[in-house]
PDB file of all heavy atoms in Angstrom:
ATOM      1  N   SER A   1       0.814  -1.212   0.000  1.00  0.00           N
ATOM      2  CA  SER A   1       0.000   0.000   0.000  1.00  0.00           C
ATOM      3  C   SER A   1       0.849   1.264   0.000  1.00  0.00           C
ATOM      4  O   SER A   1       0.366   2.330  -0.385  1.00  0.00           O
ATOM      5  CB  SER A   1      -0.915   0.005   1.228  1.00  0.00           C
ATOM      6  OG  SER A   1      -0.150  -0.062   2.422  1.00  0.00           O
ATOM      7  N   LYS A   2       2.119   1.166   0.426  1.00  0.00           N
ATOM      8  CA  LYS A   2       3.000   2.339   0.422  1.00  0.00           C
ATOM      9  C   LYS A   2       3.306   2.814  -0.995  1.00  0.00           C
ATOM     10  O   LYS A   2       3.683   3.969  -1.192  1.00  0.00           O
ATOM     11  CB  LYS A   2       4.312   2.009   1.148  1.00  0.00           C
ATOM     12  CG  LYS A   2       4.164   1.736   2.635  1.00  0.00           C
ATOM     13  CD  LYS A   2       3.814   2.995   3.394  1.00  0.00           C
ATOM     14  CE  LYS A   2       3.793   2.732   4.890  1.00  0.00           C
ATOM     15  NZ  LYS A   2       3.456   3.954   5.655  1.00  0.00           N
ATOM     16  N   VAL A   3       3.161   1.935  -1.988  1.00  0.00           N
ATOM     17  CA  VAL A   3       3.487   2.310  -3.364  1.00  0.00           C
ATOM     18  C   VAL A   3       2.407   3.204  -3.951  1.00  0.00           C
ATOM     19  O   VAL A   3       2.694   4.111  -4.730  1.00  0.00           O
ATOM     20  CB  VAL A   3       3.681   1.047  -4.231  1.00  0.00           C
ATOM     21  CG1 VAL A   3       4.039   1.418  -5.655  1.00  0.00           C
ATOM     22  CG2 VAL A   3       4.777   0.187  -3.631  1.00  0.00           C
ATOM     23  N   GLY A   4       1.135   2.975  -3.595  1.00  0.00           N
ATOM     24  CA  GLY A   4       0.053   3.802  -4.116  1.00  0.00           C
ATOM     25  C   GLY A   4      -1.125   2.971  -4.564  1.00  0.00           C
ATOM     26  O   GLY A   4      -1.108   1.734  -4.565  1.00  0.00           O
ATOM     27  N   LYS A   5      -2.202   3.662  -5.009  1.00  0.00           N
ATOM     28  CA  LYS A   5      -3.430   2.980  -5.404  1.00  0.00           C
ATOM     29  C   LYS A   5      -3.226   2.106  -6.632  1.00  0.00           C
ATOM     30  O   LYS A   5      -3.875   1.072  -6.785  1.00  0.00           O
ATOM     31  CB  LYS A   5      -4.530   4.012  -5.687  1.00  0.00           C
ATOM     32  CG  LYS A   5      -5.005   4.754  -4.455  1.00  0.00           C
ATOM     33  CD  LYS A   5      -6.133   5.710  -4.806  1.00  0.00           C
ATOM     34  CE  LYS A   5      -6.648   6.429  -3.560  1.00  0.00           C
ATOM     35  NZ  LYS A   5      -7.740   7.384  -3.897  1.00  0.00           N
ATOM     36  N   HIS A   6      -2.341   2.520  -7.538  1.00  0.00           N
ATOM     37  CA  HIS A   6      -2.125   1.735  -8.759  1.00  0.00           C
ATOM     38  C   HIS A   6      -1.461   0.397  -8.467  1.00  0.00           C
ATOM     39  O   HIS A   6      -1.399  -0.465  -9.352  1.00  0.00           O
ATOM     40  CB  HIS A   6      -1.268   2.531  -9.737  1.00  0.00           C
ATOM     41  CG  HIS A   6       0.020   3.026  -9.149  1.00  0.00           C
ATOM     42  ND1 HIS A   6       0.091   4.215  -8.462  1.00  0.00           N
ATOM     43  CD2 HIS A   6       1.252   2.486  -9.107  1.00  0.00           C
ATOM     44  CE1 HIS A   6       1.326   4.395  -8.047  1.00  0.00           C
ATOM     45  NE2 HIS A   6       2.043   3.366  -8.411  1.00  0.00           N
ATOM     46  N   ALA A   7      -0.958   0.214  -7.232  1.00  0.00           N
ATOM     47  CA  ALA A   7      -0.310  -1.053  -6.875  1.00  0.00           C
ATOM     48  C   ALA A   7      -1.223  -1.945  -6.054  1.00  0.00           C
ATOM     49  O   ALA A   7      -0.763  -2.900  -5.444  1.00  0.00           O
ATOM     50  CB  ALA A   7       0.979  -0.780  -6.094  1.00  0.00           C
ATOM     51  N   ARG A   8      -2.522  -1.651  -6.025  1.00  0.00           N
ATOM     52  CA  ARG A   8      -3.453  -2.509  -5.299  1.00  0.00           C
ATOM     53  C   ARG A   8      -3.603  -3.847  -6.007  1.00  0.00           C
ATOM     54  O   ARG A   8      -3.553  -3.938  -7.231  1.00  0.00           O
ATOM     55  CB  ARG A   8      -4.819  -1.824  -5.190  1.00  0.00           C
ATOM     56  CG  ARG A   8      -4.849  -0.755  -4.119  1.00  0.00           C
ATOM     57  CD  ARG A   8      -6.078   0.105  -4.162  1.00  0.00           C
ATOM     58  NE  ARG A   8      -7.277  -0.618  -4.534  1.00  0.00           N
ATOM     59  CZ  ARG A   8      -8.462  -0.015  -4.681  1.00  0.00           C
ATOM     60  NH1 ARG A   8      -8.558   1.295  -4.483  1.00  0.00           N
ATOM     61  NH2 ARG A   8      -9.524  -0.704  -5.031  1.00  0.00           N
ATOM     62  N   GLN A   9      -3.802  -4.900  -5.211  1.00  0.00           N
ATOM     63  CA  GLN A   9      -3.847  -6.256  -5.764  1.00  0.00           C
ATOM     64  C   GLN A   9      -4.980  -6.408  -6.779  1.00  0.00           C
ATOM     65  O   GLN A   9      -4.786  -7.001  -7.842  1.00  0.00           O
ATOM     66  CB  GLN A   9      -4.031  -7.265  -4.636  1.00  0.00           C
ATOM     67  CG  GLN A   9      -4.089  -8.717  -5.128  1.00  0.00           C
ATOM     68  CD  GLN A   9      -4.328  -9.691  -4.000  1.00  0.00           C
ATOM     69  OE1 GLN A   9      -4.364  -9.319  -2.841  1.00  0.00           O
ATOM     70  NE2 GLN A   9      -4.503 -10.947  -4.326  1.00  0.00           N
ATOM     71  N   ASP A  10      -6.179  -5.851  -6.464  1.00  0.00           N
ATOM     72  CA  ASP A  10      -7.299  -6.034  -7.382  1.00  0.00           C
ATOM     73  C   ASP A  10      -7.055  -5.354  -8.712  1.00  0.00           C
ATOM     74  O   ASP A  10      -7.409  -5.870  -9.778  1.00  0.00           O
ATOM     75  CB  ASP A  10      -8.590  -5.524  -6.740  1.00  0.00           C
ATOM     76  CG  ASP A  10      -8.474  -4.079  -6.281  1.00  0.00           C
ATOM     77  OD1 ASP A  10      -7.335  -3.563  -6.228  1.00  0.00           O
ATOM     78  OD2 ASP A  10      -9.508  -3.463  -5.979  1.00  0.00           O
ATOM     79  N   ARG A  11      -6.413  -4.179  -8.697  1.00  0.00           N
ATOM     80  CA  ARG A  11      -6.126  -3.491  -9.958  1.00  0.00           C
ATOM     81  C   ARG A  11      -5.075  -4.230 -10.779  1.00  0.00           C
ATOM     82  O   ARG A  11      -5.187  -4.332 -12.005  1.00  0.00           O
ATOM     83  CB  ARG A  11      -5.660  -2.061  -9.676  1.00  0.00           C
ATOM     84  CG  ARG A  11      -6.739  -1.187  -9.047  1.00  0.00           C
ATOM     85  CD  ARG A  11      -6.355   0.274  -9.064  1.00  0.00           C
ATOM     86  NE  ARG A  11      -7.415   1.097  -8.532  1.00  0.00           N
ATOM     87  CZ  ARG A  11      -7.378   2.435  -8.520  1.00  0.00           C
ATOM     88  NH1 ARG A  11      -6.337   3.068  -9.031  1.00  0.00           N
ATOM     89  NH2 ARG A  11      -8.382   3.124  -7.997  1.00  0.00           N
ATOM     90  N   LEU A  12      -4.069  -4.759 -10.096  1.00  0.00           N
ATOM     91  CA  LEU A  12      -3.047  -5.512 -10.825  1.00  0.00           C
ATOM     92  C   LEU A  12      -3.634  -6.780 -11.428  1.00  0.00           C
ATOM     93  O   LEU A  12      -3.342  -7.121 -12.581  1.00  0.00           O
ATOM     94  CB  LEU A  12      -1.896  -5.865  -9.872  1.00  0.00           C
ATOM     95  CG  LEU A  12      -1.051  -4.686  -9.368  1.00  0.00           C
ATOM     96  CD1 LEU A  12      -0.053  -5.161  -8.319  1.00  0.00           C
ATOM     97  CD2 LEU A  12      -0.322  -3.999 -10.512  1.00  0.00           C
ATOM     98  N   GLU A  13      -4.482  -7.479 -10.679  1.00  0.00           N
ATOM     99  CA  GLU A  13      -5.085  -8.713 -11.200  1.00  0.00           C
ATOM    100  C   GLU A  13      -6.003  -8.421 -12.385  1.00  0.00           C
ATOM    101  O   GLU A  13      -6.030  -9.190 -13.354  1.00  0.00           O
ATOM    102  CB  GLU A  13      -5.852  -9.411 -10.081  1.00  0.00           C
ATOM    103  CG  GLU A  13      -4.946 -10.009  -9.026  1.00  0.00           C
ATOM    104  CD  GLU A  13      -5.719 -10.724  -7.924  1.00  0.00           C
ATOM    105  OE1 GLU A  13      -6.924 -10.471  -7.791  1.00  0.00           O
ATOM    106  OE2 GLU A  13      -5.104 -11.534  -7.194  1.00  0.00           O
ATOM    107  N   ASN A  14      -6.741  -7.310 -12.328  1.00  0.00           N
ATOM    108  CA  ASN A  14      -7.597  -6.955 -13.463  1.00  0.00           C
ATOM    109  C   ASN A  14      -6.759  -6.622 -14.688  1.00  0.00           C
ATOM    110  O   ASN A  14      -7.113  -6.983 -15.818  1.00  0.00           O
ATOM    111  CB  ASN A  14      -8.485  -5.763 -13.098  1.00  0.00           C
ATOM    112  CG  ASN A  14      -9.557  -6.137 -12.094  1.00  0.00           C
ATOM    113  OD1 ASN A  14      -9.929  -7.305 -12.001  1.00  0.00           O
ATOM    114  ND2 ASN A  14     -10.044  -5.169 -11.337  1.00  0.00           N
ATOM    115  N   ARG A  15      -5.638  -5.942 -14.504  1.00  0.00           N
ATOM    116  CA  ARG A  15      -4.803  -5.567 -15.640  1.00  0.00           C
ATOM    117  C   ARG A  15      -4.044  -6.760 -16.208  1.00  0.00           C
ATOM    118  O   ARG A  15      -3.878  -6.886 -17.416  1.00  0.00           O
ATOM    119  CB  ARG A  15      -3.819  -4.474 -15.219  1.00  0.00           C
ATOM    120  CG  ARG A  15      -3.209  -3.743 -16.414  1.00  0.00           C
ATOM    121  CD  ARG A  15      -2.528  -2.464 -16.029  1.00  0.00           C
ATOM    122  NE  ARG A  15      -1.170  -2.665 -15.626  1.00  0.00           N
ATOM    123  CZ  ARG A  15      -0.670  -2.358 -14.462  1.00  0.00           C
ATOM    124  NH1 ARG A  15      -1.434  -1.827 -13.546  1.00  0.00           N
ATOM    125  NH2 ARG A  15       0.595  -2.572 -14.162  1.00  0.00           N
ATOM    126  N   PHE A  16      -3.589  -7.648 -15.324  1.00  0.00           N
ATOM    127  CA  PHE A  16      -2.833  -8.820 -15.785  1.00  0.00           C
ATOM    128  C   PHE A  16      -3.738  -9.958 -16.236  1.00  0.00           C
ATOM    129  O   PHE A  16      -3.265 -10.939 -16.800  1.00  0.00           O
ATOM    130  CB  PHE A  16      -1.927  -9.333 -14.661  1.00  0.00           C
ATOM    131  CG  PHE A  16      -0.867  -8.354 -14.233  1.00  0.00           C
ATOM    132  CD1 PHE A  16      -0.245  -8.469 -12.990  1.00  0.00           C
ATOM    133  CD2 PHE A  16      -0.490  -7.305 -15.067  1.00  0.00           C
ATOM    134  CE1 PHE A  16       0.730  -7.568 -12.596  1.00  0.00           C
ATOM    135  CE2 PHE A  16       0.484  -6.399 -14.668  1.00  0.00           C
ATOM    136  CZ  PHE A  16       1.088  -6.528 -13.440  1.00  0.00           C
ATOM    137  N   GLN A  17      -5.061  -9.842 -15.941  1.00  0.00           N
ATOM    138  CA  GLN A  17      -6.015 -10.903 -16.280  1.00  0.00           C
ATOM    139  C   GLN A  17      -5.623 -12.238 -15.640  1.00  0.00           C
ATOM    140  O   GLN A  17      -5.797 -13.302 -16.222  1.00  0.00           O
ATOM    141  CB  GLN A  17      -6.115 -11.054 -17.807  1.00  0.00           C
ATOM    142  CG  GLN A  17      -6.700  -9.853 -18.522  1.00  0.00           C
ATOM    143  CD  GLN A  17      -8.133  -9.590 -18.112  1.00  0.00           C
ATOM    144  OE1 GLN A  17      -8.962 -10.493 -18.171  1.00  0.00           O
ATOM    145  NE2 GLN A  17      -8.431  -8.376 -17.686  1.00  0.00           N
ATOM    146  N   GLU A  18      -5.091 -12.151 -14.421  1.00  0.00           N
ATOM    147  CA  GLU A  18      -4.682 -13.356 -13.706  1.00  0.00           C
ATOM    148  C   GLU A  18      -4.537 -13.022 -12.233  1.00  0.00           C
ATOM    149  O   GLU A  18      -3.962 -11.988 -11.885  1.00  0.00           O
ATOM    150  CB  GLU A  18      -3.354 -13.890 -14.248  1.00  0.00           C
ATOM    151  CG  GLU A  18      -2.903 -15.193 -13.603  1.00  0.00           C
ATOM    152  CD  GLU A  18      -1.554 -15.664 -14.134  1.00  0.00           C
ATOM    153  OE1 GLU A  18      -0.757 -14.811 -14.551  1.00  0.00           O
ATOM    154  OE2 GLU A  18      -1.319 -16.885 -14.131  1.00  0.00           O
ATOM    155  N   SER A  19      -5.082 -13.856 -11.385  1.00  0.00           N
ATOM    156  CA  SER A  19      -4.936 -13.644  -9.946  1.00  0.00           C
ATOM    157  C   SER A  19      -3.537 -14.071  -9.500  1.00  0.00           C
ATOM    158  O   SER A  19      -2.868 -14.873 -10.153  1.00  0.00           O
ATOM    159  CB  SER A  19      -5.995 -14.444  -9.174  1.00  0.00           C
ATOM    160  OG  SER A  19      -5.752 -15.834  -9.300  1.00  0.00           O
ATOM    161  N   TRP A  20      -3.120 -13.503  -8.363  1.00  0.00           N
ATOM    162  CA  TRP A  20      -1.806 -13.863  -7.826  1.00  0.00           C
ATOM    163  C   TRP A  20      -1.761 -15.344  -7.457  1.00  0.00           C
ATOM    164  O   TRP A  20      -0.739 -16.002  -7.645  1.00  0.00           O
ATOM    165  CB  TRP A  20      -1.504 -13.006  -6.603  1.00  0.00           C
ATOM    166  CG  TRP A  20      -0.294 -13.466  -5.850  1.00  0.00           C
ATOM    167  CD1 TRP A  20      -0.259 -14.236  -4.744  1.00  0.00           C
ATOM    168  CD2 TRP A  20       1.079 -13.203  -6.181  1.00  0.00           C
ATOM    169  NE1 TRP A  20       1.024 -14.462  -4.346  1.00  0.00           N
ATOM    170  CE2 TRP A  20       1.877 -13.846  -5.212  1.00  0.00           C
ATOM    171  CE3 TRP A  20       1.710 -12.492  -7.186  1.00  0.00           C
ATOM    172  CZ2 TRP A  20       3.253 -13.780  -5.223  1.00  0.00           C
ATOM    173  CZ3 TRP A  20       3.093 -12.431  -7.198  1.00  0.00           C
ATOM    174  CH2 TRP A  20       3.851 -13.068  -6.231  1.00  0.00           C
ATOM    175  N   GLU A  21      -2.868 -15.866  -6.932  1.00  0.00           N
ATOM    176  CA  GLU A  21      -2.887 -17.267  -6.538  1.00  0.00           C
ATOM    177  C   GLU A  21      -2.659 -18.180  -7.740  1.00  0.00           C
ATOM    178  O   GLU A  21      -1.891 -19.152  -7.667  1.00  0.00           O
ATOM    179  CB  GLU A  21      -4.216 -17.607  -5.858  1.00  0.00           C
ATOM    180  CG  GLU A  21      -4.372 -17.049  -4.450  1.00  0.00           C
ATOM    181  CD  GLU A  21      -4.637 -15.567  -4.445  1.00  0.00           C
ATOM    182  OE1 GLU A  21      -4.962 -15.021  -5.532  1.00  0.00           O
ATOM    183  OE2 GLU A  21      -4.499 -14.942  -3.379  1.00  0.00           O
ATOM    184  N   ASP A  22      -3.344 -17.882  -8.868  1.00  0.00           N
ATOM    185  CA  ASP A  22      -3.157 -18.702 -10.070  1.00  0.00           C
ATOM    186  C   ASP A  22      -1.726 -18.601 -10.579  1.00  0.00           C
ATOM    187  O   ASP A  22      -1.112 -19.607 -10.980  1.00  0.00           O
ATOM    188  CB  ASP A  22      -4.126 -18.259 -11.165  1.00  0.00           C
ATOM    189  CG  ASP A  22      -5.557 -18.635 -10.840  1.00  0.00           C
ATOM    190  OD1 ASP A  22      -5.751 -19.489  -9.961  1.00  0.00           O
ATOM    191  OD2 ASP A  22      -6.476 -18.073 -11.459  1.00  0.00           O
ATOM    192  N   TYR A  23      -1.183 -17.389 -10.562  1.00  0.00           N
ATOM    193  CA  TYR A  23       0.200 -17.225 -11.024  1.00  0.00           C
ATOM    194  C   TYR A  23       1.168 -17.980 -10.121  1.00  0.00           C
ATOM    195  O   TYR A  23       2.098 -18.648 -10.593  1.00  0.00           O
ATOM    196  CB  TYR A  23       0.557 -15.737 -11.037  1.00  0.00           C
ATOM    197  CG  TYR A  23       2.038 -15.484 -11.117  1.00  0.00           C
ATOM    198  CD1 TYR A  23       2.756 -15.737 -12.290  1.00  0.00           C
ATOM    199  CD2 TYR A  23       2.740 -15.016 -10.011  1.00  0.00           C
ATOM    200  CE1 TYR A  23       4.123 -15.511 -12.348  1.00  0.00           C
ATOM    201  CE2 TYR A  23       4.100 -14.795 -10.062  1.00  0.00           C
ATOM    202  CZ  TYR A  23       4.788 -15.049 -11.226  1.00  0.00           C
ATOM    203  OH  TYR A  23       6.132 -14.835 -11.287  1.00  0.00           O
ATOM    204  N   GLU A  24       0.937 -17.900  -8.821  1.00  0.00           N
ATOM    205  CA  GLU A  24       1.841 -18.559  -7.878  1.00  0.00           C
ATOM    206  C   GLU A  24       1.762 -20.078  -8.023  1.00  0.00           C
ATOM    207  O   GLU A  24       2.771 -20.778  -7.920  1.00  0.00           O
ATOM    208  CB  GLU A  24       1.476 -18.132  -6.459  1.00  0.00           C
ATOM    209  CG  GLU A  24       2.558 -18.409  -5.441  1.00  0.00           C
ATOM    210  CD  GLU A  24       2.219 -17.821  -4.091  1.00  0.00           C
ATOM    211  OE1 GLU A  24       1.020 -17.691  -3.785  1.00  0.00           O
ATOM    212  OE2 GLU A  24       3.145 -17.503  -3.331  1.00  0.00           O
ATOM    213  N   ILE A  25       0.535 -20.564  -8.262  1.00  0.00           N
ATOM    214  CA  ILE A  25       0.372 -22.007  -8.454  1.00  0.00           C
ATOM    215  C   ILE A  25       1.104 -22.451  -9.717  1.00  0.00           C
ATOM    216  O   ILE A  25       1.825 -23.466  -9.727  1.00  0.00           O
ATOM    217  CB  ILE A  25      -1.122 -22.358  -8.530  1.00  0.00           C
ATOM    218  CG1 ILE A  25      -1.751 -22.209  -7.140  1.00  0.00           C
ATOM    219  CG2 ILE A  25      -1.317 -23.790  -9.022  1.00  0.00           C
ATOM    220  CD1 ILE A  25      -3.248 -22.338  -7.139  1.00  0.00           C
ATOM    221  N   ASP A  26       0.926 -21.691 -10.813  1.00  0.00           N
ATOM    222  CA  ASP A  26       1.616 -22.040 -12.057  1.00  0.00           C
ATOM    223  C   ASP A  26       3.130 -21.972 -11.893  1.00  0.00           C
ATOM    224  O   ASP A  26       3.874 -22.768 -12.478  1.00  0.00           O
ATOM    225  CB  ASP A  26       1.174 -21.087 -13.177  1.00  0.00           C
ATOM    226  CG  ASP A  26      -0.272 -21.318 -13.583  1.00  0.00           C
ATOM    227  OD1 ASP A  26      -0.788 -22.405 -13.270  1.00  0.00           O
ATOM    228  OD2 ASP A  26      -0.873 -20.433 -14.192  1.00  0.00           O
ATOM    229  N   ARG A  27       3.577 -21.049 -11.092  1.00  0.00           N
ATOM    230  CA  ARG A  27       5.029 -20.880 -10.924  1.00  0.00           C
ATOM    231  C   ARG A  27       5.632 -21.990 -10.071  1.00  0.00           C
ATOM    232  O   ARG A  27       6.741 -22.451 -10.328  1.00  0.00           O
ATOM    233  CB  ARG A  27       5.287 -19.506 -10.270  1.00  0.00           C
ATOM    234  CG  ARG A  27       6.747 -19.150 -10.107  1.00  0.00           C
ATOM    235  CD  ARG A  27       6.891 -17.923  -9.266  1.00  0.00           C
ATOM    236  NE  ARG A  27       6.381 -18.155  -7.919  1.00  0.00           N
ATOM    237  CZ  ARG A  27       6.300 -17.205  -6.981  1.00  0.00           C
ATOM    238  NH1 ARG A  27       6.656 -15.973  -7.266  1.00  0.00           N
ATOM    239  NH2 ARG A  27       5.844 -17.498  -5.785  1.00  0.00           N
ATOM    240  N   ASP A  28       4.913 -22.371  -9.025  1.00  0.00           N
ATOM    241  CA  ASP A  28       5.476 -23.318  -8.062  1.00  0.00           C
ATOM    242  C   ASP A  28       5.000 -24.755  -8.257  1.00  0.00           C
ATOM    243  O   ASP A  28       5.287 -25.622  -7.422  1.00  0.00           O
ATOM    244  CB  ASP A  28       5.121 -22.867  -6.638  1.00  0.00           C
ATOM    245  CG  ASP A  28       5.642 -21.482  -6.340  1.00  0.00           C
ATOM    246  OD1 ASP A  28       6.619 -21.079  -6.995  1.00  0.00           O
ATOM    247  OD2 ASP A  28       5.067 -20.804  -5.474  1.00  0.00           O
ATOM    248  N   LEU A  29       4.233 -24.969  -9.333  1.00  0.00           N
ATOM    249  CA  LEU A  29       3.626 -26.290  -9.502  1.00  0.00           C
ATOM    250  C   LEU A  29       4.679 -27.378  -9.696  1.00  0.00           C
ATOM    251  O   LEU A  29       5.600 -27.245 -10.477  1.00  0.00           O
ATOM    252  CB  LEU A  29       2.690 -26.262 -10.721  1.00  0.00           C
ATOM    253  CG  LEU A  29       1.975 -27.569 -11.039  1.00  0.00           C
ATOM    254  CD1 LEU A  29       1.075 -27.964  -9.891  1.00  0.00           C
ATOM    255  CD2 LEU A  29       1.191 -27.446 -12.329  1.00  0.00           C
ATOM    256  N   THR A  30       4.533 -28.454  -8.965  1.00  0.00           N
ATOM    257  CA  THR A  30       5.377 -29.647  -9.130  1.00  0.00           C
ATOM    258  C   THR A  30       4.476 -30.860  -9.220  1.00  0.00           C
ATOM    259  O   THR A  30       3.461 -30.946  -8.515  1.00  0.00           O
ATOM    260  CB  THR A  30       6.334 -29.811  -7.935  1.00  0.00           C
ATOM    261  OG1 THR A  30       5.575 -29.896  -6.746  1.00  0.00           O
ATOM    262  CG2 THR A  30       7.326 -28.662  -7.859  1.00  0.00           C
ATOM    263  N   ARG A  31       4.856 -31.746 -10.073  1.00  0.00           N
ATOM    264  CA  ARG A  31       4.049 -32.965 -10.261  1.00  0.00           C
ATOM    265  C   ARG A  31       4.468 -34.054  -9.291  1.00  0.00           C
ATOM    266  O   ARG A  31       5.665 -34.234  -9.003  1.00  0.00           O
ATOM    267  CB  ARG A  31       4.216 -33.479 -11.694  1.00  0.00           C
ATOM    268  CG  ARG A  31       3.724 -32.515 -12.754  1.00  0.00           C
ATOM    269  CD  ARG A  31       2.230 -32.317 -12.646  1.00  0.00           C
ATOM    270  NE  ARG A  31       1.727 -31.495 -13.690  1.00  0.00           N
ATOM    271  CZ  ARG A  31       1.316 -31.935 -14.864  1.00  0.00           C
ATOM    272  NH1 ARG A  31       1.372 -33.228 -15.124  1.00  0.00           N
ATOM    273  NH2 ARG A  31       0.858 -31.113 -15.776  1.00  0.00           N
ATOM    274  N   GLU A  32       3.481 -34.752  -8.779  1.00  0.00           N
ATOM    275  CA  GLU A  32       3.756 -35.908  -7.924  1.00  0.00           C
ATOM    276  C   GLU A  32       3.564 -37.196  -8.729  1.00  0.00           C
ATOM    277  O   GLU A  32       2.736 -37.276  -9.621  1.00  0.00           O
ATOM    278  CB  GLU A  32       2.805 -35.910  -6.726  1.00  0.00           C
ATOM    279  CG  GLU A  32       2.988 -34.719  -5.817  1.00  0.00           C
ATOM    280  CD  GLU A  32       2.039 -34.773  -4.637  1.00  0.00           C
ATOM    281  OE1 GLU A  32       1.254 -35.751  -4.580  1.00  0.00           O
ATOM    282  OE2 GLU A  32       2.091 -33.868  -3.805  1.00  0.00           O
TER     283      GLU A  32
END
């Protein structure tokens, strides 16, 4: 929040068309 309103999570997710959770899952995914 110190960065400003343009750095809010909801605005970033709307602009990137991807939630942080989905991105994190894709990044850290490992197959068992």
